[in-house]
Structures are given as structure tokens and as C-alpha cells.
Amino acid sequence: MTTAQLEQRDKSLRLANEVRVARAQLKRDLRAGAVNPIRLVMDPPDYAARMTVSTMLRAVPKVGVVKAKAIPRRAGFSEDRRLADLTDRQRHQFAMALRRVTR
């Protein structure tokens, strides 16, 4: 490998690690109630944009595997969708479904 390739690889690894650490903290914050899941759905930060809906939901209190599958279906999309790929309509329907669960 050339020096440029090694530098690019190192840069990519650093970025991937930063994203992993940020997502792990986000999931801890969701579990603790420090982050509002509805706000997260409506405007996900860059590091969470590629997180799947089911991964995000499983970190929300009162949501297990069954609800993590049912909530997105009720909103009209697959639980495997990434937060960044949701349309505005899907985001609003998802937020409404989350509101019912997280009361």
C-alpha cells in the first residue's frame, strides 16, 4: 500500500470509530431518556442518519423486538429503513406512532 492509501484507510477507520462511539452514546441516552426519540426521528444527526429504525427503536424504553417491528409497519415502512431514508410523511407517521408508545 502506498502512503496515501494508508492515510486514507486510517482516516476512514477513525471516522468509523467516531460514528460507532457516537451511536453507542446515543443509544445510552435514549435508554436513559436524555434524548427525545421523536426529535431524533424528525431531525437525526449525521452520525445517526444511517442507523436503522429498528436499532433506534430497540434503545427506546418500553420498546422491545416486537414493538420495534410493529411501530414502523404501522407507519407504513420497513423496520430496516435508515433514519435518513424516511420521507417527511413517514417521519410524521413514525413520530405519531412513537408518541403513542412513549407516553
N, C-alpha and C. Protein backbone atom coordinates (compact mmCIF):
# COMPACT_ATOMS: atom_id res chain seq x y z
N MET A 1 0.84 -1.19 0.00
CA MET A 1 0.00 0.00 0.00
C MET A 1 0.88 1.25 0.00
N THR A 2 0.40 2.23 -0.69
CA THR A 2 1.13 3.49 -0.71
C THR A 2 0.83 4.29 0.55
N THR A 3 1.61 5.32 0.75
CA THR A 3 1.40 6.19 1.92
C THR A 3 0.02 6.84 1.86
N ALA A 4 -0.39 7.28 0.68
CA ALA A 4 -1.70 7.91 0.53
C ALA A 4 -2.82 6.93 0.86
N GLN A 5 -2.68 5.69 0.43
CA GLN A 5 -3.69 4.67 0.73
C GLN A 5 -3.76 4.38 2.23
N LEU A 6 -2.61 4.32 2.86
CA LEU A 6 -2.57 4.08 4.30
C LEU A 6 -3.21 5.23 5.06
N GLU A 7 -2.94 6.45 4.64
CA GLU A 7 -3.54 7.62 5.28
C GLU A 7 -5.05 7.62 5.10
N GLN A 8 -5.51 7.28 3.89
CA GLN A 8 -6.95 7.22 3.63
C GLN A 8 -7.61 6.15 4.49
N ARG A 9 -6.97 5.00 4.59
CA ARG A 9 -7.50 3.91 5.41
C ARG A 9 -7.59 4.33 6.87
N ASP A 10 -6.54 4.95 7.38
CA ASP A 10 -6.53 5.41 8.77
C ASP A 10 -7.61 6.46 9.01
N LYS A 11 -7.78 7.36 8.07
CA LYS A 11 -8.81 8.39 8.19
C LYS A 11 -10.20 7.75 8.22
N SER A 12 -10.43 6.78 7.36
CA SER A 12 -11.71 6.08 7.31
C SER A 12 -11.98 5.32 8.60
N LEU A 13 -10.96 4.67 9.12
CA LEU A 13 -11.11 3.93 10.38
C LEU A 13 -11.42 4.86 11.54
N ARG A 14 -10.74 6.00 11.58
CA ARG A 14 -11.01 6.99 12.65
C ARG A 14 -12.46 7.48 12.57
N LEU A 15 -12.91 7.80 11.36
CA LEU A 15 -14.28 8.28 11.19
C LEU A 15 -15.29 7.20 11.59
N ALA A 16 -15.06 5.97 11.17
CA ALA A 16 -15.96 4.87 11.52
C ALA A 16 -16.02 4.67 13.04
N ASN A 17 -14.89 4.78 13.69
CA ASN A 17 -14.86 4.64 15.16
C ASN A 17 -15.61 5.78 15.83
N GLU A 18 -15.45 7.00 15.33
CA GLU A 18 -16.18 8.15 15.89
C GLU A 18 -17.68 7.93 15.76
N VAL A 19 -18.11 7.45 14.61
CA VAL A 19 -19.54 7.20 14.39
C VAL A 19 -20.04 6.11 15.34
N ARG A 20 -19.29 5.03 15.48
CA ARG A 20 -19.68 3.95 16.39
C ARG A 20 -19.81 4.44 17.83
N VAL A 21 -18.85 5.23 18.27
CA VAL A 21 -18.88 5.76 19.63
C VAL A 21 -20.08 6.70 19.81
N ALA A 22 -20.33 7.55 18.83
CA ALA A 22 -21.45 8.49 18.91
C ALA A 22 -22.79 7.75 18.93
N ARG A 23 -22.93 6.71 18.11
CA ARG A 23 -24.17 5.93 18.10
C ARG A 23 -24.37 5.19 19.41
N ALA A 24 -23.30 4.65 19.96
CA ALA A 24 -23.40 3.95 21.24
C ALA A 24 -23.85 4.91 22.33
N GLN A 25 -23.31 6.12 22.34
CA GLN A 25 -23.73 7.12 23.32
C GLN A 25 -25.18 7.52 23.10
N LEU A 26 -25.58 7.66 21.85
CA LEU A 26 -26.96 8.00 21.53
C LEU A 26 -27.91 6.92 22.06
N LYS A 27 -27.57 5.66 21.88
CA LYS A 27 -28.42 4.58 22.38
C LYS A 27 -28.49 4.60 23.90
N ARG A 28 -27.37 4.88 24.56
CA ARG A 28 -27.39 5.00 26.03
C ARG A 28 -28.29 6.16 26.45
N ASP A 29 -28.18 7.28 25.74
CA ASP A 29 -29.01 8.45 26.06
C ASP A 29 -30.49 8.18 25.82
N LEU A 30 -30.80 7.44 24.76
CA LEU A 30 -32.20 7.07 24.51
C LEU A 30 -32.73 6.20 25.64
N ARG A 31 -31.95 5.21 26.05
CA ARG A 31 -32.37 4.32 27.15
C ARG A 31 -32.59 5.10 28.44
N ALA A 32 -31.75 6.11 28.67
CA ALA A 32 -31.83 6.90 29.91
C ALA A 32 -32.92 7.97 29.84
N GLY A 33 -33.47 8.19 28.65
CA GLY A 33 -34.49 9.22 28.50
C GLY A 33 -33.92 10.61 28.29
N ALA A 34 -32.62 10.71 28.07
CA ALA A 34 -31.97 12.00 27.87
C ALA A 34 -32.17 12.55 26.46
N VAL A 35 -32.55 11.68 25.53
CA VAL A 35 -32.80 12.10 24.15
C VAL A 35 -34.24 11.76 23.81
N ASN A 36 -34.94 12.72 23.24
CA ASN A 36 -36.32 12.51 22.82
C ASN A 36 -36.31 11.74 21.49
N PRO A 37 -36.87 10.52 21.45
CA PRO A 37 -36.83 9.74 20.21
C PRO A 37 -37.59 10.39 19.06
N ILE A 38 -38.62 11.17 19.37
CA ILE A 38 -39.39 11.83 18.31
C ILE A 38 -38.54 12.91 17.65
N ARG A 39 -37.83 13.68 18.46
CA ARG A 39 -36.93 14.70 17.88
C ARG A 39 -35.83 14.05 17.06
N LEU A 40 -35.34 12.91 17.53
CA LEU A 40 -34.30 12.19 16.79
C LEU A 40 -34.82 11.75 15.42
N VAL A 41 -36.03 11.26 15.37
CA VAL A 41 -36.62 10.82 14.10
C VAL A 41 -36.83 12.01 13.17
N MET A 42 -37.28 13.11 13.71
CA MET A 42 -37.59 14.28 12.88
C MET A 42 -36.34 14.94 12.33
N ASP A 43 -35.25 14.91 13.10
CA ASP A 43 -34.01 15.56 12.65
C ASP A 43 -32.79 14.78 13.17
N PRO A 44 -32.48 13.65 12.53
CA PRO A 44 -31.35 12.85 13.03
C PRO A 44 -30.01 13.51 12.77
N PRO A 45 -29.09 13.47 13.73
CA PRO A 45 -27.74 13.99 13.47
C PRO A 45 -27.05 13.12 12.42
N ASP A 46 -26.00 13.63 11.83
CA ASP A 46 -25.30 12.91 10.76
C ASP A 46 -24.88 11.51 11.18
N TYR A 47 -24.36 11.37 12.39
CA TYR A 47 -23.87 10.06 12.81
C TYR A 47 -24.99 9.05 13.02
N ALA A 48 -26.23 9.51 13.16
CA ALA A 48 -27.37 8.60 13.35
C ALA A 48 -28.17 8.39 12.07
N ALA A 49 -27.88 9.14 11.04
CA ALA A 49 -28.68 9.09 9.82
C ALA A 49 -28.70 7.71 9.18
N ARG A 50 -27.62 6.97 9.29
CA ARG A 50 -27.56 5.64 8.67
C ARG A 50 -27.97 4.52 9.64
N MET A 51 -28.42 4.90 10.82
CA MET A 51 -28.91 3.93 11.79
C MET A 51 -30.28 3.42 11.33
N THR A 52 -30.53 2.13 11.48
CA THR A 52 -31.83 1.62 11.08
C THR A 52 -32.88 1.97 12.13
N VAL A 53 -34.10 2.01 11.67
CA VAL A 53 -35.22 2.33 12.55
C VAL A 53 -35.30 1.31 13.69
N SER A 54 -35.13 0.03 13.39
CA SER A 54 -35.23 -0.99 14.44
C SER A 54 -34.13 -0.84 15.48
N THR A 55 -32.93 -0.49 15.06
CA THR A 55 -31.83 -0.29 16.01
C THR A 55 -32.14 0.87 16.95
N MET A 56 -32.65 1.95 16.38
CA MET A 56 -33.01 3.11 17.19
C MET A 56 -34.14 2.76 18.15
N LEU A 57 -35.16 2.07 17.65
CA LEU A 57 -36.31 1.75 18.48
C LEU A 57 -35.96 0.83 19.65
N ARG A 58 -35.08 -0.12 19.42
CA ARG A 58 -34.74 -1.06 20.50
C ARG A 58 -34.02 -0.37 21.65
N ALA A 59 -33.53 0.83 21.43
CA ALA A 59 -32.88 1.59 22.51
C ALA A 59 -33.88 2.44 23.29
N VAL A 60 -35.11 2.53 22.79
CA VAL A 60 -36.14 3.35 23.45
C VAL A 60 -36.79 2.53 24.56
N PRO A 61 -36.93 3.11 25.76
CA PRO A 61 -37.61 2.39 26.84
C PRO A 61 -39.02 2.00 26.42
N LYS A 62 -39.48 0.85 26.89
CA LYS A 62 -40.81 0.30 26.61
C LYS A 62 -40.94 -0.27 25.20
N VAL A 63 -39.84 -0.34 24.45
CA VAL A 63 -39.90 -0.89 23.09
C VAL A 63 -38.95 -2.08 23.02
N GLY A 64 -39.53 -3.24 22.71
CA GLY A 64 -38.74 -4.44 22.52
C GLY A 64 -38.73 -4.82 21.05
N VAL A 65 -38.37 -6.05 20.78
CA VAL A 65 -38.26 -6.52 19.40
C VAL A 65 -39.61 -6.47 18.69
N VAL A 66 -40.67 -6.89 19.36
CA VAL A 66 -42.00 -6.94 18.73
C VAL A 66 -42.48 -5.53 18.37
N LYS A 67 -42.39 -4.61 19.31
CA LYS A 67 -42.82 -3.24 19.02
C LYS A 67 -41.90 -2.57 18.00
N ALA A 68 -40.61 -2.93 18.01
CA ALA A 68 -39.67 -2.35 17.05
C ALA A 68 -40.01 -2.76 15.62
N LYS A 69 -40.73 -3.86 15.47
CA LYS A 69 -41.20 -4.27 14.14
C LYS A 69 -42.57 -3.68 13.84
N ALA A 70 -43.42 -3.60 14.86
CA ALA A 70 -44.80 -3.16 14.65
C ALA A 70 -44.92 -1.65 14.41
N ILE A 71 -44.15 -0.86 15.12
CA ILE A 71 -44.28 0.61 15.01
C ILE A 71 -44.00 1.09 13.59
N PRO A 72 -42.90 0.70 12.96
CA PRO A 72 -42.67 1.16 11.58
C PRO A 72 -43.72 0.63 10.60
N ARG A 73 -44.16 -0.61 10.80
CA ARG A 73 -45.20 -1.16 9.91
C ARG A 73 -46.47 -0.33 10.00
N ARG A 74 -46.81 0.06 11.22
CA ARG A 74 -47.99 0.90 11.42
C ARG A 74 -47.83 2.24 10.69
N ALA A 75 -46.59 2.71 10.61
CA ALA A 75 -46.32 3.98 9.93
C ALA A 75 -46.13 3.79 8.42
N GLY A 76 -46.13 2.54 7.95
CA GLY A 76 -46.11 2.30 6.52
C GLY A 76 -44.75 2.06 5.89
N PHE A 77 -43.79 1.57 6.67
CA PHE A 77 -42.47 1.27 6.09
C PHE A 77 -41.80 0.15 6.88
N SER A 78 -40.70 -0.36 6.34
CA SER A 78 -39.98 -1.47 6.95
C SER A 78 -39.10 -0.99 8.11
N GLU A 79 -38.94 -1.85 9.10
CA GLU A 79 -38.07 -1.51 10.23
C GLU A 79 -36.60 -1.48 9.84
N ASP A 80 -36.29 -1.95 8.64
CA ASP A 80 -34.91 -1.95 8.15
C ASP A 80 -34.52 -0.65 7.45
N ARG A 81 -35.46 0.29 7.34
CA ARG A 81 -35.14 1.57 6.72
C ARG A 81 -34.19 2.35 7.61
N ARG A 82 -33.36 3.14 6.98
CA ARG A 82 -32.45 4.00 7.73
C ARG A 82 -33.16 5.32 8.03
N LEU A 83 -32.80 5.95 9.12
CA LEU A 83 -33.46 7.20 9.50
C LEU A 83 -33.37 8.25 8.40
N ALA A 84 -32.23 8.32 7.73
CA ALA A 84 -32.04 9.32 6.68
C ALA A 84 -32.91 9.06 5.46
N ASP A 85 -33.36 7.81 5.27
CA ASP A 85 -34.12 7.46 4.08
C ASP A 85 -35.62 7.64 4.24
N LEU A 86 -36.07 8.05 5.40
CA LEU A 86 -37.50 8.24 5.62
C LEU A 86 -37.97 9.52 4.93
N THR A 87 -39.15 9.45 4.34
CA THR A 87 -39.75 10.65 3.75
C THR A 87 -40.34 11.50 4.87
N ASP A 88 -40.69 12.73 4.57
CA ASP A 88 -41.31 13.59 5.58
C ASP A 88 -42.61 12.97 6.10
N ARG A 89 -43.40 12.41 5.21
CA ARG A 89 -44.66 11.78 5.60
C ARG A 89 -44.38 10.61 6.54
N GLN A 90 -43.41 9.77 6.20
CA GLN A 90 -43.07 8.64 7.06
C GLN A 90 -42.55 9.10 8.41
N ARG A 91 -41.78 10.17 8.42
CA ARG A 91 -41.27 10.71 9.69
C ARG A 91 -42.43 11.14 10.60
N HIS A 92 -43.40 11.83 10.02
CA HIS A 92 -44.54 12.30 10.82
C HIS A 92 -45.37 11.12 11.32
N GLN A 93 -45.61 10.14 10.47
CA GLN A 93 -46.38 8.97 10.91
C GLN A 93 -45.62 8.18 11.97
N PHE A 94 -44.32 8.08 11.78
CA PHE A 94 -43.46 7.40 12.75
C PHE A 94 -43.50 8.13 14.09
N ALA A 95 -43.42 9.45 14.04
CA ALA A 95 -43.47 10.25 15.27
C ALA A 95 -44.79 10.05 16.00
N MET A 96 -45.89 9.99 15.24
CA MET A 96 -47.21 9.77 15.86
C MET A 96 -47.26 8.39 16.53
N ALA A 97 -46.73 7.37 15.85
CA ALA A 97 -46.72 6.02 16.42
C ALA A 97 -45.83 5.97 17.67
N LEU A 98 -44.70 6.65 17.62
CA LEU A 98 -43.81 6.71 18.79
C LEU A 98 -44.46 7.42 19.96
N ARG A 99 -45.18 8.46 19.66
CA ARG A 99 -45.85 9.24 20.71
C ARG A 99 -46.80 8.35 21.51
N ARG A 100 -47.52 7.46 20.79
CA ARG A 100 -48.46 6.56 21.47
C ARG A 100 -47.73 5.58 22.39
N VAL A 101 -46.55 5.15 21.99
CA VAL A 101 -45.80 4.14 22.75
C VAL A 101 -45.05 4.75 23.92
N THR A 102 -44.52 5.95 23.76
CA THR A 102 -43.62 6.52 24.78
C THR A 102 -44.32 7.42 25.79
N ARG A 103 -45.61 7.39 25.85
CA ARG A 103 -46.32 8.22 26.83
C ARG A 103 -46.04 7.79 28.23
